[in-house]
Amino acid sequence: MRTQEVRDRLVHFRVQDLQYPDPTAVLYELHGDELLQGRVLDLSDGSTSDALFAVVKVEGIARPVIVDVQRILGVLE
């Protein structure tokens, strides 16, 4: 594809292909305030700090996420 063919045109591309800014910054800007929902798989023992963390499986995300229990907004069941 020639450069002249894309100038002033709408294009599409993958977030992972961004060179600037960092792809994680873009995702945070777009989705940082969205709420996620998942099932708590485990809790930290709290022995290394005062904070207690939950390991949460979120549908659509391959790996479990870790969130401070204080930041959990509600329990659904």
N, C-alpha and C. Protein backbone atom coordinates (compact mmCIF):
# COMPACT_ATOMS: atom_id res chain seq x y z
N MET A 1 0.85 -1.18 0.00
CA MET A 1 0.00 0.00 0.00
C MET A 1 0.89 1.24 0.00
N ARG A 2 0.60 2.16 -0.86
CA ARG A 2 1.38 3.40 -0.95
C ARG A 2 0.89 4.41 0.09
N THR A 3 1.82 5.21 0.56
CA THR A 3 1.52 6.22 1.57
C THR A 3 0.42 7.16 1.09
N GLN A 4 0.44 7.55 -0.14
CA GLN A 4 -0.56 8.48 -0.67
C GLN A 4 -1.96 7.88 -0.61
N GLU A 5 -2.08 6.56 -0.64
CA GLU A 5 -3.39 5.92 -0.61
C GLU A 5 -4.06 5.99 0.76
N VAL A 6 -3.29 6.18 1.83
CA VAL A 6 -3.87 6.18 3.17
C VAL A 6 -4.00 7.57 3.79
N ARG A 7 -3.32 8.53 3.26
CA ARG A 7 -3.40 9.87 3.84
C ARG A 7 -4.85 10.37 3.83
N ASP A 8 -5.30 10.86 5.01
CA ASP A 8 -6.64 11.41 5.19
C ASP A 8 -7.74 10.37 4.96
N ARG A 9 -7.44 9.11 5.21
CA ARG A 9 -8.41 8.01 5.06
C ARG A 9 -8.61 7.33 6.40
N LEU A 10 -9.80 6.79 6.63
CA LEU A 10 -10.04 5.98 7.81
C LEU A 10 -9.38 4.62 7.61
N VAL A 11 -8.71 4.13 8.63
CA VAL A 11 -8.04 2.84 8.56
C VAL A 11 -8.37 2.04 9.82
N HIS A 12 -8.08 0.75 9.81
CA HIS A 12 -8.23 -0.04 11.03
C HIS A 12 -6.95 -0.83 11.26
N PHE A 13 -6.70 -1.12 12.53
CA PHE A 13 -5.47 -1.80 12.94
C PHE A 13 -5.69 -2.36 14.34
N ARG A 14 -4.83 -3.27 14.74
CA ARG A 14 -4.93 -3.89 16.07
C ARG A 14 -4.26 -3.02 17.12
N VAL A 15 -4.83 -3.00 18.32
CA VAL A 15 -4.25 -2.25 19.43
C VAL A 15 -2.81 -2.73 19.68
N GLN A 16 -2.57 -4.01 19.59
CA GLN A 16 -1.23 -4.54 19.86
C GLN A 16 -0.18 -4.04 18.87
N ASP A 17 -0.59 -3.49 17.75
CA ASP A 17 0.35 -2.98 16.75
C ASP A 17 0.70 -1.51 16.94
N LEU A 18 0.14 -0.86 17.93
CA LEU A 18 0.47 0.54 18.19
C LEU A 18 1.95 0.71 18.53
N GLN A 19 2.54 1.73 18.03
CA GLN A 19 3.91 2.09 18.37
C GLN A 19 3.94 3.19 19.43
N TYR A 20 2.96 4.08 19.39
CA TYR A 20 2.85 5.16 20.36
C TYR A 20 1.40 5.58 20.42
N PRO A 21 0.83 5.80 21.55
CA PRO A 21 1.35 5.50 22.88
C PRO A 21 1.32 4.00 23.14
N ASP A 22 1.76 3.64 24.31
CA ASP A 22 1.78 2.24 24.71
C ASP A 22 0.37 1.65 24.62
N PRO A 23 0.20 0.46 24.07
CA PRO A 23 -1.14 -0.14 23.94
C PRO A 23 -1.92 -0.19 25.26
N THR A 24 -1.24 -0.42 26.37
CA THR A 24 -1.95 -0.48 27.64
C THR A 24 -2.52 0.88 28.03
N ALA A 25 -1.82 1.95 27.67
CA ALA A 25 -2.32 3.30 27.96
C ALA A 25 -3.60 3.56 27.17
N VAL A 26 -3.64 3.11 25.92
CA VAL A 26 -4.83 3.30 25.09
C VAL A 26 -6.00 2.51 25.66
N LEU A 27 -5.75 1.27 26.04
CA LEU A 27 -6.81 0.45 26.62
C LEU A 27 -7.34 1.06 27.91
N TYR A 28 -6.44 1.57 28.74
CA TYR A 28 -6.87 2.21 29.99
C TYR A 28 -7.72 3.44 29.70
N GLU A 29 -7.32 4.22 28.72
CA GLU A 29 -8.09 5.42 28.37
C GLU A 29 -9.48 5.06 27.84
N LEU A 30 -9.56 4.03 27.03
CA LEU A 30 -10.83 3.62 26.44
C LEU A 30 -11.73 2.89 27.43
N HIS A 31 -11.15 2.07 28.28
CA HIS A 31 -11.95 1.15 29.10
C HIS A 31 -11.66 1.23 30.59
N GLY A 32 -10.90 2.19 31.04
CA GLY A 32 -10.49 2.27 32.44
C GLY A 32 -11.61 2.37 33.44
N ASP A 33 -12.75 2.90 33.05
CA ASP A 33 -13.87 3.07 33.98
C ASP A 33 -14.94 2.00 33.84
N GLU A 34 -14.73 1.04 32.93
CA GLU A 34 -15.71 -0.04 32.77
C GLU A 34 -15.66 -0.98 33.97
N LEU A 35 -16.80 -1.54 34.31
CA LEU A 35 -16.85 -2.49 35.40
C LEU A 35 -16.66 -3.91 34.87
N LEU A 36 -15.87 -4.69 35.58
CA LEU A 36 -15.69 -6.10 35.26
C LEU A 36 -16.42 -6.92 36.31
N GLN A 37 -16.80 -8.11 35.93
CA GLN A 37 -17.48 -9.02 36.84
C GLN A 37 -16.80 -10.37 36.75
N GLY A 38 -16.55 -11.00 37.87
CA GLY A 38 -15.92 -12.30 37.85
C GLY A 38 -16.11 -13.03 39.15
N ARG A 39 -15.63 -14.26 39.19
CA ARG A 39 -15.75 -15.12 40.36
C ARG A 39 -14.42 -15.17 41.09
N VAL A 40 -14.46 -14.96 42.41
CA VAL A 40 -13.26 -14.99 43.24
C VAL A 40 -12.80 -16.44 43.36
N LEU A 41 -11.57 -16.70 42.91
CA LEU A 41 -10.99 -18.03 42.99
C LEU A 41 -10.21 -18.25 44.28
N ASP A 42 -9.59 -17.17 44.78
CA ASP A 42 -8.74 -17.30 45.96
C ASP A 42 -8.51 -15.92 46.55
N LEU A 43 -8.04 -15.90 47.79
CA LEU A 43 -7.69 -14.66 48.48
C LEU A 43 -6.26 -14.79 48.98
N SER A 44 -5.54 -13.66 48.99
CA SER A 44 -4.19 -13.67 49.57
C SER A 44 -4.31 -13.85 51.06
N ASP A 45 -3.23 -14.32 51.67
CA ASP A 45 -3.27 -14.53 53.12
C ASP A 45 -3.01 -13.26 53.91
N GLY A 46 -2.60 -12.19 53.22
CA GLY A 46 -2.38 -10.91 53.87
C GLY A 46 -1.13 -10.86 54.72
N SER A 47 -0.28 -11.87 54.66
CA SER A 47 0.89 -11.93 55.53
C SER A 47 2.00 -10.95 55.12
N THR A 48 2.07 -10.58 53.85
CA THR A 48 3.15 -9.71 53.40
C THR A 48 2.80 -8.22 53.48
N SER A 49 1.54 -7.90 53.62
CA SER A 49 1.14 -6.49 53.73
C SER A 49 -0.22 -6.44 54.42
N ASP A 50 -0.67 -5.23 54.66
CA ASP A 50 -1.97 -5.06 55.29
C ASP A 50 -3.11 -5.28 54.30
N ALA A 51 -2.81 -5.21 53.01
CA ALA A 51 -3.85 -5.34 51.99
C ALA A 51 -4.21 -6.80 51.78
N LEU A 52 -5.46 -7.03 51.42
CA LEU A 52 -5.96 -8.36 51.09
C LEU A 52 -6.36 -8.32 49.61
N PHE A 53 -5.88 -9.28 48.84
CA PHE A 53 -6.14 -9.30 47.41
C PHE A 53 -6.95 -10.51 47.03
N ALA A 54 -7.81 -10.34 46.02
CA ALA A 54 -8.62 -11.43 45.48
C ALA A 54 -8.11 -11.81 44.11
N VAL A 55 -8.05 -13.10 43.85
CA VAL A 55 -7.75 -13.62 42.52
C VAL A 55 -9.10 -13.90 41.87
N VAL A 56 -9.37 -13.24 40.75
CA VAL A 56 -10.71 -13.27 40.15
C VAL A 56 -10.64 -13.76 38.71
N LYS A 57 -11.49 -14.73 38.37
CA LYS A 57 -11.62 -15.20 36.99
C LYS A 57 -12.72 -14.39 36.32
N VAL A 58 -12.34 -13.66 35.26
CA VAL A 58 -13.27 -12.83 34.50
C VAL A 58 -13.47 -13.48 33.14
N GLU A 59 -14.71 -13.75 32.77
CA GLU A 59 -14.99 -14.35 31.48
C GLU A 59 -14.46 -13.46 30.36
N GLY A 60 -13.76 -14.06 29.42
CA GLY A 60 -13.21 -13.32 28.30
C GLY A 60 -11.77 -12.89 28.50
N ILE A 61 -11.23 -13.05 29.70
CA ILE A 61 -9.83 -12.74 29.99
C ILE A 61 -9.14 -14.06 30.31
N ALA A 62 -8.08 -14.37 29.58
CA ALA A 62 -7.43 -15.68 29.68
C ALA A 62 -6.87 -15.97 31.07
N ARG A 63 -6.23 -15.01 31.67
CA ARG A 63 -5.61 -15.23 32.99
C ARG A 63 -6.45 -14.56 34.07
N PRO A 64 -6.46 -15.14 35.27
CA PRO A 64 -7.16 -14.47 36.37
C PRO A 64 -6.53 -13.10 36.66
N VAL A 65 -7.34 -12.20 37.17
CA VAL A 65 -6.86 -10.88 37.55
C VAL A 65 -6.76 -10.80 39.06
N ILE A 66 -5.97 -9.87 39.55
CA ILE A 66 -5.81 -9.68 40.99
C ILE A 66 -6.27 -8.27 41.33
N VAL A 67 -7.12 -8.17 42.32
CA VAL A 67 -7.67 -6.86 42.71
C VAL A 67 -7.68 -6.76 44.24
N ASP A 68 -7.39 -5.59 44.73
CA ASP A 68 -7.46 -5.32 46.16
C ASP A 68 -8.91 -5.50 46.61
N VAL A 69 -9.14 -6.27 47.63
CA VAL A 69 -10.50 -6.55 48.11
C VAL A 69 -11.22 -5.25 48.48
N GLN A 70 -10.49 -4.26 48.94
CA GLN A 70 -11.08 -2.96 49.29
C GLN A 70 -11.71 -2.26 48.07
N ARG A 71 -11.25 -2.64 46.86
CA ARG A 71 -11.74 -2.01 45.63
C ARG A 71 -12.92 -2.73 45.00
N ILE A 72 -13.33 -3.87 45.58
CA ILE A 72 -14.50 -4.59 45.08
C ILE A 72 -15.74 -3.77 45.42
N LEU A 73 -16.56 -3.50 44.41
CA LEU A 73 -17.70 -2.59 44.57
C LEU A 73 -18.96 -3.29 45.06
N GLY A 74 -19.05 -4.59 44.92
CA GLY A 74 -20.24 -5.30 45.35
C GLY A 74 -20.10 -6.78 45.13
N VAL A 75 -20.98 -7.53 45.79
CA VAL A 75 -21.01 -8.98 45.66
C VAL A 75 -22.39 -9.34 45.11
N LEU A 76 -22.42 -10.16 44.07
CA LEU A 76 -23.67 -10.44 43.37
C LEU A 76 -24.39 -11.70 43.86
N GLU A 77 -23.67 -12.66 44.38
CA GLU A 77 -24.34 -13.87 44.86
C GLU A 77 -23.67 -14.41 46.07
